[in-house]
Amino acid sequence: MTAVAFVDTNILVYAYDRDAGFKRELAIRLLEDLWESGNGRLSVQVLQEFYVNVTRKLATPVARSVAREVIESYGAWVREATSPAIVLRGAEISDLVQLAFWDALVVASAEQSGASLLYSEDLQADRIIAGIRIVNPLVDAGT
């Protein structure tokens, strides 16, 4: 794996969701590959969403202390700070391609990080936005 890849919140959440079955296995494998290659990227927004989702919204929540440890580890993947310029770029992408603002902010952060791939289950697979190809790494999970 040589391409820089940005990871959306849902992929990170699946890796820590004990009830996610095969999706969990696929997410873990993907994240391990990105760790080994050094090509994983994400944003503070993704880490914030991760914390809320795994501690409050899962059927089997992750302990807050564990969620904090995950955030500390994956903080290494945050290479660029979210700035007002990125928020504006997210708003622009939202308008240009009719994407929800929070999703567009993920795309803007991926663009800022130099990613050519964005791993997400929520966005339309194979779509290219701002030069970034959306990939759903969970398609083999029967979804």
Protein backbone atom coordinates (compact mmCIF):
# COMPACT_ATOMS: atom_id res chain seq x y z
CA MET A 1 0.00 0.00 0.00
CA THR A 2 1.79 3.15 -1.19
CA ALA A 3 -0.98 5.73 -1.58
CA VAL A 4 -1.71 8.12 1.26
CA ALA A 5 -5.17 7.20 2.55
CA PHE A 6 -7.51 9.16 4.78
CA VAL A 7 -9.76 7.15 7.12
CA ASP A 8 -13.32 8.27 7.82
CA THR A 9 -14.82 7.87 11.28
CA ASN A 10 -16.97 4.86 10.47
CA ILE A 11 -13.96 2.71 9.55
CA LEU A 12 -12.15 3.57 12.78
CA VAL A 13 -15.33 2.91 14.78
CA TYR A 14 -15.83 -0.53 13.20
CA ALA A 15 -12.32 -1.52 14.27
CA TYR A 16 -13.35 -1.03 17.91
CA ASP A 17 -16.97 -2.21 17.72
CA ARG A 18 -17.02 -5.69 19.26
CA ASP A 19 -20.43 -6.29 17.70
CA ALA A 20 -19.43 -5.41 14.11
CA GLY A 21 -18.46 -8.94 13.04
CA PHE A 22 -16.76 -9.18 9.66
CA LYS A 23 -16.76 -5.40 9.24
CA ARG A 24 -14.59 -5.20 12.35
CA GLU A 25 -12.14 -7.71 10.91
CA LEU A 26 -11.91 -5.81 7.62
CA ALA A 27 -11.46 -2.46 9.38
CA ILE A 28 -8.73 -3.85 11.66
CA ARG A 29 -6.89 -5.33 8.69
CA LEU A 30 -7.05 -2.05 6.77
CA LEU A 31 -5.82 -0.01 9.73
CA GLU A 32 -2.98 -2.47 10.35
CA ASP A 33 -1.91 -2.18 6.70
CA LEU A 34 -1.97 1.62 6.94
CA TRP A 35 0.12 1.52 10.16
CA GLU A 36 2.70 -0.71 8.50
CA SER A 37 2.94 1.46 5.39
CA GLY A 38 2.87 4.76 7.30
CA ASN A 39 0.26 6.08 4.86
CA GLY A 40 -2.75 6.49 7.16
CA ARG A 41 -4.18 9.95 7.77
CA LEU A 42 -7.16 11.34 9.62
CA SER A 43 -8.31 14.57 11.22
CA VAL A 44 -9.21 15.87 14.64
CA GLN A 45 -12.85 15.80 13.48
CA VAL A 46 -12.57 12.04 12.90
CA LEU A 47 -11.08 11.55 16.37
CA GLN A 48 -13.86 13.62 17.95
CA GLU A 49 -16.57 11.67 16.16
CA PHE A 50 -14.82 8.40 17.04
CA TYR A 51 -14.85 9.22 20.76
CA VAL A 52 -18.55 10.10 20.83
CA ASN A 53 -19.57 7.08 18.76
CA VAL A 54 -17.58 4.40 20.58
CA THR A 55 -18.34 5.65 24.08
CA ARG A 56 -22.03 6.51 23.62
CA LYS A 57 -23.57 4.94 20.54
CA LEU A 58 -22.33 1.35 20.34
CA ALA A 59 -24.36 -1.54 21.76
CA THR A 60 -21.21 -2.52 23.65
CA PRO A 61 -19.50 0.81 24.37
CA VAL A 62 -15.74 1.16 24.54
CA ALA A 63 -14.41 2.30 27.91
CA ARG A 64 -13.60 6.00 27.86
CA SER A 65 -10.02 5.30 28.97
CA VAL A 66 -9.57 2.92 26.01
CA ALA A 67 -11.10 5.46 23.62
CA ARG A 68 -8.63 8.07 24.90
CA GLU A 69 -5.73 5.65 24.30
CA VAL A 70 -6.93 5.07 20.73
CA ILE A 71 -7.12 8.82 20.16
CA GLU A 72 -3.62 9.24 21.51
CA SER A 73 -2.29 6.53 19.19
CA TYR A 74 -4.12 7.68 16.07
CA GLY A 75 -3.19 11.27 16.80
CA ALA A 76 0.02 10.41 14.95
CA TRP A 77 -2.07 10.27 11.76
CA VAL A 78 -3.18 13.88 12.11
CA ARG A 79 -0.59 15.75 10.08
CA GLU A 80 -2.43 19.04 9.51
CA ALA A 81 -4.39 21.23 11.88
CA THR A 82 -7.98 22.04 11.02
CA SER A 83 -7.94 25.73 10.19
CA PRO A 84 -10.57 28.26 9.14
CA ALA A 85 -9.31 27.73 5.58
CA ILE A 86 -10.15 24.02 5.79
CA VAL A 87 -13.60 24.79 7.18
CA LEU A 88 -14.16 27.17 4.24
CA ARG A 89 -12.87 24.54 1.81
CA GLY A 90 -15.31 22.04 3.33
CA ALA A 91 -18.15 24.52 2.82
CA GLU A 92 -17.06 25.04 -0.78
CA ILE A 93 -16.89 21.29 -1.46
CA SER A 94 -20.32 20.91 0.15
CA ASP A 95 -21.78 23.45 -2.26
CA LEU A 96 -19.90 22.20 -5.32
CA VAL A 97 -20.85 18.54 -5.05
CA GLN A 98 -24.00 18.72 -2.90
CA LEU A 99 -22.44 16.88 0.03
CA ALA A 100 -23.37 17.28 3.69
CA PHE A 101 -21.04 19.79 5.33
CA TRP A 102 -19.49 17.34 7.83
CA ASP A 103 -18.73 14.86 5.03
CA ALA A 104 -17.31 17.67 2.90
CA LEU A 105 -15.09 18.70 5.80
CA VAL A 106 -13.71 15.14 5.88
CA VAL A 107 -12.99 15.43 2.15
CA ALA A 108 -11.31 18.83 2.65
CA SER A 109 -9.16 17.37 5.43
CA ALA A 110 -8.23 14.43 3.22
CA GLU A 111 -7.29 16.84 0.46
CA GLN A 112 -5.19 18.90 2.88
CA SER A 113 -3.35 15.78 4.07
CA GLY A 114 -2.36 14.85 0.51
CA ALA A 115 -4.48 11.72 0.43
CA SER A 116 -5.46 10.19 -2.89
CA LEU A 117 -7.87 7.73 -1.24
CA LEU A 118 -10.62 8.22 1.32
CA TYR A 119 -11.80 5.05 3.06
CA SER A 120 -15.45 5.45 4.03
CA GLU A 121 -18.59 3.40 4.23
CA ASP A 122 -20.79 6.49 4.29
CA LEU A 123 -19.71 8.21 1.08
CA GLN A 124 -20.42 6.98 -2.44
CA ALA A 125 -17.77 4.43 -3.41
CA ASP A 126 -15.69 5.12 -6.53
CA ARG A 127 -16.74 8.76 -6.59
CA ILE A 128 -13.89 11.22 -7.03
CA ILE A 129 -14.18 14.47 -5.10
CA ALA A 130 -11.39 17.07 -5.07
CA GLY A 131 -9.13 14.53 -6.73
CA ILE A 132 -9.69 11.94 -3.99
CA ARG A 133 -11.19 8.56 -4.79
CA ILE A 134 -13.74 7.29 -2.27
CA VAL A 135 -13.26 3.61 -1.42
CA ASN A 136 -15.57 1.46 0.68
CA PRO A 137 -13.23 -1.16 2.17
CA LEU A 138 -16.20 -3.01 3.70
CA VAL A 139 -17.92 -4.04 0.47
CA ASP A 140 -16.81 -7.62 1.04
CA ALA A 141 -18.74 -7.61 4.31
CA GLY A 142 -21.99 -8.20 2.44
CA THR A 143 -23.29 -4.64 2.82
